[in-house]
Structures are given as structure tokens and as C-alpha cells.
Amino acid sequence: PAALHGIVGIKATLGIIPTHGVVPACADYDAVTVFAADL
């Protein structure tokens, strides 16, 4: 969705941003990510 809107989407290396409090889709691969207008 970041690519389709020309905004920034950051997916950090797994384990850098905690996934505590996330409903799992696939816990081994889930990551919490960030969207913003600029880097």
C-alpha cells in the first residue's frame, strides 16, 4: 500500500519492532510496520 500511494513503508528486520499485541497472521513472519509521507 505504500508503493501504491507514493509514501514510505518501513518493514524492519524481524524482531526489531516487537509484535506484542498483534493478532497473528503468521507469527513466524509477522512484523509491525510504519507508514509516513517521508523517510
PDB file of all heavy atoms in Angstrom:
ATOM      1  N   PRO A   1       0.809  -1.227   0.000  1.00  0.00           N
ATOM      2  CA  PRO A   1       0.000   0.000   0.000  1.00  0.00           C
ATOM      3  C   PRO A   1       0.837   1.269   0.000  1.00  0.00           C
ATOM      4  O   PRO A   1       0.404   2.292  -0.533  1.00  0.00           O
ATOM      5  CB  PRO A   1      -0.855  -0.117   1.267  1.00  0.00           C
ATOM      6  CG  PRO A   1      -0.193  -1.144   2.102  1.00  0.00           C
ATOM      7  CD  PRO A   1       0.542  -2.053   1.188  1.00  0.00           C
ATOM      8  N   ALA A   2       2.037   1.217   0.564  1.00  0.00           N
ATOM      9  CA  ALA A   2       2.926   2.380   0.495  1.00  0.00           C
ATOM     10  C   ALA A   2       3.328   2.642  -0.952  1.00  0.00           C
ATOM     11  O   ALA A   2       3.304   3.785  -1.427  1.00  0.00           O
ATOM     12  CB  ALA A   2       4.160   2.152   1.360  1.00  0.00           C
ATOM     13  N   ALA A   3       3.681   1.589  -1.666  1.00  0.00           N
ATOM     14  CA  ALA A   3       4.088   1.737  -3.060  1.00  0.00           C
ATOM     15  C   ALA A   3       2.964   2.297  -3.918  1.00  0.00           C
ATOM     16  O   ALA A   3       3.203   3.110  -4.822  1.00  0.00           O
ATOM     17  CB  ALA A   3       4.540   0.394  -3.611  1.00  0.00           C
ATOM     18  N   LEU A   4       1.727   1.890  -3.646  1.00  0.00           N
ATOM     19  CA  LEU A   4       0.591   2.338  -4.452  1.00  0.00           C
ATOM     20  C   LEU A   4       0.169   3.771  -4.135  1.00  0.00           C
ATOM     21  O   LEU A   4      -0.683   4.319  -4.830  1.00  0.00           O
ATOM     22  CB  LEU A   4      -0.598   1.395  -4.260  1.00  0.00           C
ATOM     23  CG  LEU A   4      -0.403  -0.039  -4.769  1.00  0.00           C
ATOM     24  CD1 LEU A   4      -1.698  -0.824  -4.659  1.00  0.00           C
ATOM     25  CD2 LEU A   4       0.107  -0.064  -6.203  1.00  0.00           C
ATOM     26  N   HIS A   5       0.765   4.371  -3.102  1.00  0.00           N
ATOM     27  CA  HIS A   5       0.422   5.747  -2.727  1.00  0.00           C
ATOM     28  C   HIS A   5       1.605   6.706  -2.763  1.00  0.00           C
ATOM     29  O   HIS A   5       1.454   7.889  -2.446  1.00  0.00           O
ATOM     30  CB  HIS A   5      -0.214   5.772  -1.333  1.00  0.00           C
ATOM     31  CG  HIS A   5      -1.593   5.207  -1.307  1.00  0.00           C
ATOM     32  ND1 HIS A   5      -1.844   3.879  -1.067  1.00  0.00           N
ATOM     33  CD2 HIS A   5      -2.802   5.790  -1.522  1.00  0.00           C
ATOM     34  CE1 HIS A   5      -3.145   3.670  -1.136  1.00  0.00           C
ATOM     35  NE2 HIS A   5      -3.746   4.803  -1.400  1.00  0.00           N
ATOM     36  N   GLY A   6       2.780   6.213  -3.099  1.00  0.00           N
ATOM     37  CA  GLY A   6       3.940   7.090  -3.146  1.00  0.00           C
ATOM     38  C   GLY A   6       4.369   7.597  -1.793  1.00  0.00           C
ATOM     39  O   GLY A   6       4.921   8.694  -1.670  1.00  0.00           O
ATOM     40  N   ILE A   7       4.125   6.788  -0.754  1.00  0.00           N
ATOM     41  CA  ILE A   7       4.581   7.142   0.590  1.00  0.00           C
ATOM     42  C   ILE A   7       5.633   6.127   1.025  1.00  0.00           C
ATOM     43  O   ILE A   7       5.958   5.197   0.292  1.00  0.00           O
ATOM     44  CB  ILE A   7       3.413   7.196   1.600  1.00  0.00           C
ATOM     45  CG1 ILE A   7       2.718   5.832   1.721  1.00  0.00           C
ATOM     46  CG2 ILE A   7       2.408   8.282   1.202  1.00  0.00           C
ATOM     47  CD1 ILE A   7       1.630   5.780   2.786  1.00  0.00           C
ATOM     48  N   VAL A   8       6.169   6.307   2.225  1.00  0.00           N
ATOM     49  CA  VAL A   8       7.219   5.423   2.729  1.00  0.00           C
ATOM     50  C   VAL A   8       6.610   4.330   3.597  1.00  0.00           C
ATOM     51  O   VAL A   8       5.764   4.606   4.458  1.00  0.00           O
ATOM     52  CB  VAL A   8       8.245   6.222   3.556  1.00  0.00           C
ATOM     53  CG1 VAL A   8       9.273   5.281   4.194  1.00  0.00           C
ATOM     54  CG2 VAL A   8       8.949   7.246   2.676  1.00  0.00           C
ATOM     55  N   GLY A   9       7.022   3.103   3.365  1.00  0.00           N
ATOM     56  CA  GLY A   9       6.642   1.987   4.217  1.00  0.00           C
ATOM     57  C   GLY A   9       7.885   1.286   4.703  1.00  0.00           C
ATOM     58  O   GLY A   9       8.717   0.863   3.885  1.00  0.00           O
ATOM     59  N   ILE A  10       8.069   1.193   6.003  1.00  0.00           N
ATOM     60  CA  ILE A  10       9.264   0.560   6.575  1.00  0.00           C
ATOM     61  C   ILE A  10       8.886  -0.757   7.241  1.00  0.00           C
ATOM     62  O   ILE A  10       8.018  -0.802   8.120  1.00  0.00           O
ATOM     63  CB  ILE A  10       9.946   1.464   7.612  1.00  0.00           C
ATOM     64  CG1 ILE A  10      10.605   2.665   6.926  1.00  0.00           C
ATOM     65  CG2 ILE A  10      10.996   0.680   8.399  1.00  0.00           C
ATOM     66  CD1 ILE A  10      11.344   3.573   7.869  1.00  0.00           C
ATOM     67  N   LYS A  11       9.525  -1.820   6.786  1.00  0.00           N
ATOM     68  CA  LYS A  11       9.458  -3.112   7.471  1.00  0.00           C
ATOM     69  C   LYS A  11      10.855  -3.415   7.989  1.00  0.00           C
ATOM     70  O   LYS A  11      11.773  -3.691   7.218  1.00  0.00           O
ATOM     71  CB  LYS A  11       9.000  -4.227   6.535  1.00  0.00           C
ATOM     72  CG  LYS A  11       8.959  -5.602   7.206  1.00  0.00           C
ATOM     73  CD  LYS A  11       8.584  -6.703   6.234  1.00  0.00           C
ATOM     74  CE  LYS A  11       8.504  -8.052   6.962  1.00  0.00           C
ATOM     75  NZ  LYS A  11       8.111  -9.157   6.058  1.00  0.00           N
ATOM     76  N   ALA A  12      11.008  -3.330   9.297  1.00  0.00           N
ATOM     77  CA  ALA A  12      12.312  -3.602   9.903  1.00  0.00           C
ATOM     78  C   ALA A  12      12.582  -5.103   9.930  1.00  0.00           C
ATOM     79  O   ALA A  12      11.676  -5.931   9.757  1.00  0.00           O
ATOM     80  CB  ALA A  12      12.355  -3.034  11.320  1.00  0.00           C
ATOM     81  N   THR A  13      13.841  -5.468  10.146  1.00  0.00           N
ATOM     82  CA  THR A  13      14.203  -6.870  10.332  1.00  0.00           C
ATOM     83  C   THR A  13      13.346  -7.477  11.433  1.00  0.00           C
ATOM     84  O   THR A  13      13.085  -6.842  12.468  1.00  0.00           O
ATOM     85  CB  THR A  13      15.690  -6.976  10.725  1.00  0.00           C
ATOM     86  OG1 THR A  13      16.477  -6.405   9.669  1.00  0.00           O
ATOM     87  CG2 THR A  13      16.115  -8.417  10.945  1.00  0.00           C
ATOM     88  N   LEU A  14      12.881  -8.702  11.219  1.00  0.00           N
ATOM     89  CA  LEU A  14      12.024  -9.354  12.208  1.00  0.00           C
ATOM     90  C   LEU A  14      12.686  -9.351  13.579  1.00  0.00           C
ATOM     91  O   LEU A  14      13.858  -9.681  13.716  1.00  0.00           O
ATOM     92  CB  LEU A  14      11.725 -10.788  11.780  1.00  0.00           C
ATOM     93  CG  LEU A  14      10.951 -10.957  10.468  1.00  0.00           C
ATOM     94  CD1 LEU A  14      10.723 -12.436  10.165  1.00  0.00           C
ATOM     95  CD2 LEU A  14       9.613 -10.220  10.525  1.00  0.00           C
ATOM     96  N   GLY A  15      11.916  -8.953  14.581  1.00  0.00           N
ATOM     97  CA  GLY A  15      12.415  -8.904  15.951  1.00  0.00           C
ATOM     98  C   GLY A  15      12.869  -7.536  16.396  1.00  0.00           C
ATOM     99  O   GLY A  15      13.056  -7.321  17.599  1.00  0.00           O
ATOM    100  N   ILE A  16      13.023  -6.588  15.469  1.00  0.00           N
ATOM    101  CA  ILE A  16      13.469  -5.249  15.849  1.00  0.00           C
ATOM    102  C   ILE A  16      12.334  -4.469  16.515  1.00  0.00           C
ATOM    103  O   ILE A  16      12.517  -3.849  17.566  1.00  0.00           O
ATOM    104  CB  ILE A  16      13.991  -4.477  14.622  1.00  0.00           C
ATOM    105  CG1 ILE A  16      15.226  -5.170  14.043  1.00  0.00           C
ATOM    106  CG2 ILE A  16      14.292  -3.024  14.977  1.00  0.00           C
ATOM    107  CD1 ILE A  16      16.410  -5.189  14.969  1.00  0.00           C
ATOM    108  N   ILE A  17      11.159  -4.496  15.907  1.00  0.00           N
ATOM    109  CA  ILE A  17       9.963  -3.859  16.487  1.00  0.00           C
ATOM    110  C   ILE A  17       9.077  -4.967  17.025  1.00  0.00           C
ATOM    111  O   ILE A  17       8.689  -5.872  16.289  1.00  0.00           O
ATOM    112  CB  ILE A  17       9.208  -3.027  15.436  1.00  0.00           C
ATOM    113  CG1 ILE A  17      10.081  -1.877  14.938  1.00  0.00           C
ATOM    114  CG2 ILE A  17       7.907  -2.485  16.007  1.00  0.00           C
ATOM    115  CD1 ILE A  17       9.461  -1.056  13.822  1.00  0.00           C
ATOM    116  N   PRO A  18       8.748  -4.944  18.312  1.00  0.00           N
ATOM    117  CA  PRO A  18       8.004  -6.066  18.907  1.00  0.00           C
ATOM    118  C   PRO A  18       6.609  -6.223  18.317  1.00  0.00           C
ATOM    119  O   PRO A  18       5.943  -5.246  17.980  1.00  0.00           O
ATOM    120  CB  PRO A  18       7.941  -5.706  20.394  1.00  0.00           C
ATOM    121  CG  PRO A  18       8.177  -4.235  20.465  1.00  0.00           C
ATOM    122  CD  PRO A  18       9.069  -3.901  19.310  1.00  0.00           C
ATOM    123  N   THR A  19       6.188  -7.476  18.190  1.00  0.00           N
ATOM    124  CA  THR A  19       4.850  -7.783  17.701  1.00  0.00           C
ATOM    125  C   THR A  19       3.870  -8.093  18.834  1.00  0.00           C
ATOM    126  O   THR A  19       2.778  -8.595  18.588  1.00  0.00           O
ATOM    127  CB  THR A  19       4.883  -8.962  16.712  1.00  0.00           C
ATOM    128  OG1 THR A  19       5.471 -10.095  17.348  1.00  0.00           O
ATOM    129  CG2 THR A  19       5.666  -8.599  15.465  1.00  0.00           C
ATOM    130  N   HIS A  20       4.265  -7.775  20.054  1.00  0.00           N
ATOM    131  CA  HIS A  20       3.325  -7.900  21.175  1.00  0.00           C
ATOM    132  C   HIS A  20       2.060  -7.109  20.865  1.00  0.00           C
ATOM    133  O   HIS A  20       2.117  -5.975  20.395  1.00  0.00           O
ATOM    134  CB  HIS A  20       3.954  -7.365  22.461  1.00  0.00           C
ATOM    135  CG  HIS A  20       2.956  -7.056  23.540  1.00  0.00           C
ATOM    136  ND1 HIS A  20       2.456  -5.784  23.739  1.00  0.00           N
ATOM    137  CD2 HIS A  20       2.348  -7.850  24.454  1.00  0.00           C
ATOM    138  CE1 HIS A  20       1.592  -5.804  24.733  1.00  0.00           C
ATOM    139  NE2 HIS A  20       1.510  -7.049  25.184  1.00  0.00           N
ATOM    140  N   GLY A  21       0.893  -7.719  21.101  1.00  0.00           N
ATOM    141  CA  GLY A  21      -0.368  -7.026  20.889  1.00  0.00           C
ATOM    142  C   GLY A  21      -0.890  -7.080  19.473  1.00  0.00           C
ATOM    143  O   GLY A  21      -1.841  -6.373  19.133  1.00  0.00           O
ATOM    144  N   VAL A  22      -0.289  -7.913  18.635  1.00  0.00           N
ATOM    145  CA  VAL A  22      -0.723  -8.070  17.243  1.00  0.00           C
ATOM    146  C   VAL A  22      -1.487  -9.386  17.095  1.00  0.00           C
ATOM    147  O   VAL A  22      -1.028 -10.429  17.562  1.00  0.00           O
ATOM    148  CB  VAL A  22       0.490  -8.073  16.287  1.00  0.00           C
ATOM    149  CG1 VAL A  22       0.061  -8.390  14.846  1.00  0.00           C
ATOM    150  CG2 VAL A  22       1.208  -6.736  16.344  1.00  0.00           C
ATOM    151  N   VAL A  23      -2.649  -9.322  16.449  1.00  0.00           N
ATOM    152  CA  VAL A  23      -3.362 -10.547  16.098  1.00  0.00           C
ATOM    153  C   VAL A  23      -2.536 -11.250  15.022  1.00  0.00           C
ATOM    154  O   VAL A  23      -2.313 -10.685  13.949  1.00  0.00           O
ATOM    155  CB  VAL A  23      -4.768 -10.238  15.553  1.00  0.00           C
ATOM    156  CG1 VAL A  23      -5.467 -11.525  15.116  1.00  0.00           C
ATOM    157  CG2 VAL A  23      -5.603  -9.509  16.599  1.00  0.00           C
ATOM    158  N   PRO A  24      -2.058 -12.454  15.268  1.00  0.00           N
ATOM    159  CA  PRO A  24      -1.133 -13.065  14.308  1.00  0.00           C
ATOM    160  C   PRO A  24      -1.810 -13.478  13.005  1.00  0.00           C
ATOM    161  O   PRO A  24      -2.921 -13.994  13.000  1.00  0.00           O
ATOM    162  CB  PRO A  24      -0.593 -14.280  15.065  1.00  0.00           C
ATOM    163  CG  PRO A  24      -1.628 -14.593  16.097  1.00  0.00           C
ATOM    164  CD  PRO A  24      -2.251 -13.286  16.477  1.00  0.00           C
ATOM    165  N   ALA A  25      -1.113 -13.208  11.907  1.00  0.00           N
ATOM    166  CA  ALA A  25      -1.478 -13.801  10.620  1.00  0.00           C
ATOM    167  C   ALA A  25      -0.634 -15.055  10.431  1.00  0.00           C
ATOM    168  O   ALA A  25      -1.130 -16.141  10.196  1.00  0.00           O
ATOM    169  CB  ALA A  25      -1.241 -12.814   9.484  1.00  0.00           C
ATOM    170  N   CYS A  26       0.682 -14.880  10.589  1.00  0.00           N
ATOM    171  CA  CYS A  26       1.631 -15.989  10.670  1.00  0.00           C
ATOM    172  C   CYS A  26       2.741 -15.515  11.584  1.00  0.00           C
ATOM    173  O   CYS A  26       3.600 -14.729  11.173  1.00  0.00           O
ATOM    174  CB  CYS A  26       2.169 -16.358   9.288  1.00  0.00           C
ATOM    175  SG  CYS A  26       3.365 -17.717   9.330  1.00  0.00           S
ATOM    176  N   ALA A  27       2.693 -15.953  12.833  1.00  0.00           N
ATOM    177  CA  ALA A  27       3.544 -15.379  13.881  1.00  0.00           C
ATOM    178  C   ALA A  27       5.028 -15.428  13.540  1.00  0.00           C
ATOM    179  O   ALA A  27       5.796 -14.562  13.955  1.00  0.00           O
ATOM    180  CB  ALA A  27       3.283 -16.090  15.207  1.00  0.00           C
ATOM    181  N   ASP A  28       5.450 -16.427  12.775  1.00  0.00           N
ATOM    182  CA  ASP A  28       6.867 -16.543  12.441  1.00  0.00           C
ATOM    183  C   ASP A  28       7.337 -15.448  11.497  1.00  0.00           C
ATOM    184  O   ASP A  28       8.547 -15.175  11.402  1.00  0.00           O
ATOM    185  CB  ASP A  28       7.154 -17.903  11.797  1.00  0.00           C
ATOM    186  CG  ASP A  28       7.096 -19.046  12.797  1.00  0.00           C
ATOM    187  OD1 ASP A  28       7.181 -18.766  14.009  1.00  0.00           O
ATOM    188  OD2 ASP A  28       6.965 -20.204  12.372  1.00  0.00           O
ATOM    189  N   TYR A  29       6.398 -14.799  10.799  1.00  0.00           N
ATOM    190  CA  TYR A  29       6.779 -13.825   9.775  1.00  0.00           C
ATOM    191  C   TYR A  29       6.156 -12.447   9.980  1.00  0.00           C
ATOM    192  O   TYR A  29       6.485 -11.511   9.254  1.00  0.00           O
ATOM    193  CB  TYR A  29       6.398 -14.349   8.379  1.00  0.00           C
ATOM    194  CG  TYR A  29       7.144 -15.598   8.000  1.00  0.00           C
ATOM    195  CD1 TYR A  29       6.534 -16.845   8.112  1.00  0.00           C
ATOM    196  CD2 TYR A  29       8.456 -15.530   7.558  1.00  0.00           C
ATOM    197  CE1 TYR A  29       7.214 -18.001   7.782  1.00  0.00           C
ATOM    198  CE2 TYR A  29       9.150 -16.696   7.227  1.00  0.00           C
ATOM    199  CZ  TYR A  29       8.522 -17.923   7.337  1.00  0.00           C
ATOM    200  OH  TYR A  29       9.212 -19.058   7.015  1.00  0.00           O
ATOM    201  N   ASP A  30       5.275 -12.296  10.949  1.00  0.00           N
ATOM    202  CA  ASP A  30       4.614 -11.008  11.181  1.00  0.00           C
ATOM    203  C   ASP A  30       5.618  -9.943  11.604  1.00  0.00           C
ATOM    204  O   ASP A  30       6.564 -10.216  12.344  1.00  0.00           O
ATOM    205  CB  ASP A  30       3.544 -11.128  12.276  1.00  0.00           C
ATOM    206  CG  ASP A  30       2.358 -11.973  11.857  1.00  0.00           C
ATOM    207  OD1 ASP A  30       2.119 -12.111  10.647  1.00  0.00           O
ATOM    208  OD2 ASP A  30       1.660 -12.480  12.760  1.00  0.00           O
ATOM    209  N   ALA A  31       5.377  -8.714  11.155  1.00  0.00           N
ATOM    210  CA  ALA A  31       6.182  -7.566  11.570  1.00  0.00           C
ATOM    211  C   ALA A  31       5.274  -6.361  11.715  1.00  0.00           C
ATOM    212  O   ALA A  31       4.314  -6.203  10.948  1.00  0.00           O
ATOM    213  CB  ALA A  31       7.274  -7.264  10.545  1.00  0.00           C
ATOM    214  N   VAL A  32       5.544  -5.520  12.700  1.00  0.00           N
ATOM    215  CA  VAL A  32       4.861  -4.232  12.826  1.00  0.00           C
ATOM    216  C   VAL A  32       5.611  -3.231  11.954  1.00  0.00           C
ATOM    217  O   VAL A  32       6.843  -3.157  12.002  1.00  0.00           O
ATOM    218  CB  VAL A  32       4.818  -3.761  14.291  1.00  0.00           C
ATOM    219  CG1 VAL A  32       4.249  -2.351  14.390  1.00  0.00           C
ATOM    220  CG2 VAL A  32       3.981  -4.726  15.130  1.00  0.00           C
ATOM    221  N   THR A  33       4.865  -2.479  11.154  1.00  0.00           N
ATOM    222  CA  THR A  33       5.481  -1.591  10.171  1.00  0.00           C
ATOM    223  C   THR A  33       5.017  -0.151  10.338  1.00  0.00           C
ATOM    224  O   THR A  33       4.067   0.138  11.069  1.00  0.00           O
ATOM    225  CB  THR A  33       5.152  -2.065   8.749  1.00  0.00           C
ATOM    226  OG1 THR A  33       3.728  -2.107   8.588  1.00  0.00           O
ATOM    227  CG2 THR A  33       5.716  -3.440   8.484  1.00  0.00           C
ATOM    228  N   VAL A  34       5.691   0.739   9.627  1.00  0.00           N
ATOM    229  CA  VAL A  34       5.434   2.175   9.719  1.00  0.00           C
ATOM    230  C   VAL A  34       5.153   2.738   8.328  1.00  0.00           C
ATOM    231  O   VAL A  34       5.852   2.414   7.366  1.00  0.00           O
ATOM    232  CB  VAL A  34       6.652   2.917  10.308  1.00  0.00           C
ATOM    233  CG1 VAL A  34       6.418   4.421  10.314  1.00  0.00           C
ATOM    234  CG2 VAL A  34       6.966   2.423  11.709  1.00  0.00           C
ATOM    235  N   PHE A  35       4.128   3.604   8.241  1.00  0.00           N
ATOM    236  CA  PHE A  35       3.881   4.408   7.051  1.00  0.00           C
ATOM    237  C   PHE A  35       4.076   5.879   7.406  1.00  0.00           C
ATOM    238  O   PHE A  35       3.692   6.318   8.493  1.00  0.00           O
ATOM    239  CB  PHE A  35       2.439   4.254   6.553  1.00  0.00           C
ATOM    240  CG  PHE A  35       2.063   2.866   6.125  1.00  0.00           C
ATOM    241  CD1 PHE A  35       1.271   2.065   6.942  1.00  0.00           C
ATOM    242  CD2 PHE A  35       2.480   2.366   4.904  1.00  0.00           C
ATOM    243  CE1 PHE A  35       0.903   0.799   6.547  1.00  0.00           C
ATOM    244  CE2 PHE A  35       2.123   1.084   4.504  1.00  0.00           C
ATOM    245  CZ  PHE A  35       1.337   0.291   5.321  1.00  0.00           C
ATOM    246  N   ALA A  36       4.649   6.633   6.485  1.00  0.00           N
ATOM    247  CA  ALA A  36       4.779   8.078   6.667  1.00  0.00           C
ATOM    248  C   ALA A  36       4.925   8.722   5.296  1.00  0.00           C
ATOM    249  O   ALA A  36       5.231   8.054   4.300  1.00  0.00           O
ATOM    250  CB  ALA A  36       5.978   8.423   7.547  1.00  0.00           C
ATOM    251  N   ALA A  37       4.720  10.021   5.257  1.00  0.00           N
ATOM    252  CA  ALA A  37       4.828  10.738   3.988  1.00  0.00           C
ATOM    253  C   ALA A  37       6.267  10.856   3.516  1.00  0.00           C
ATOM    254  O   ALA A  37       6.517  10.997   2.320  1.00  0.00           O
ATOM    255  CB  ALA A  37       4.200  12.129   4.115  1.00  0.00           C
ATOM    256  N   ASP A  38       7.224  10.797   4.438  1.00  0.00           N
ATOM    257  CA  ASP A  38       8.626  10.921   4.059  1.00  0.00           C
ATOM    258  C   ASP A  38       9.482  10.012   4.926  1.00  0.00           C
ATOM    259  O   ASP A  38       9.054   9.545   5.991  1.00  0.00           O
ATOM    260  CB  ASP A  38       9.101  12.375   4.175  1.00  0.00           C
ATOM    261  CG  ASP A  38       8.988  12.909   5.588  1.00  0.00           C
ATOM    262  OD1 ASP A  38       9.849  12.588   6.418  1.00  0.00           O
ATOM    263  OD2 ASP A  38       8.032  13.658   5.862  1.00  0.00           O
ATOM    264  N   LEU A  39      10.691   9.763   4.458  1.00  0.00           N
ATOM    265  CA  LEU A  39      11.571   8.799   5.122  1.00  0.00           C
ATOM    266  C   LEU A  39      11.969   9.265   6.512  1.00  0.00           C
ATOM    267  O   LEU A  39      12.066   8.460   7.442  1.00  0.00           O
ATOM    268  CB  LEU A  39      12.813   8.566   4.255  1.00  0.00           C
ATOM    269  CG  LEU A  39      13.793   7.515   4.767  1.00  0.00           C
ATOM    270  CD1 LEU A  39      13.133   6.148   4.882  1.00  0.00           C
ATOM    271  CD2 LEU A  39      15.016   7.434   3.838  1.00  0.00           C
TER     272      LEU A  39
END
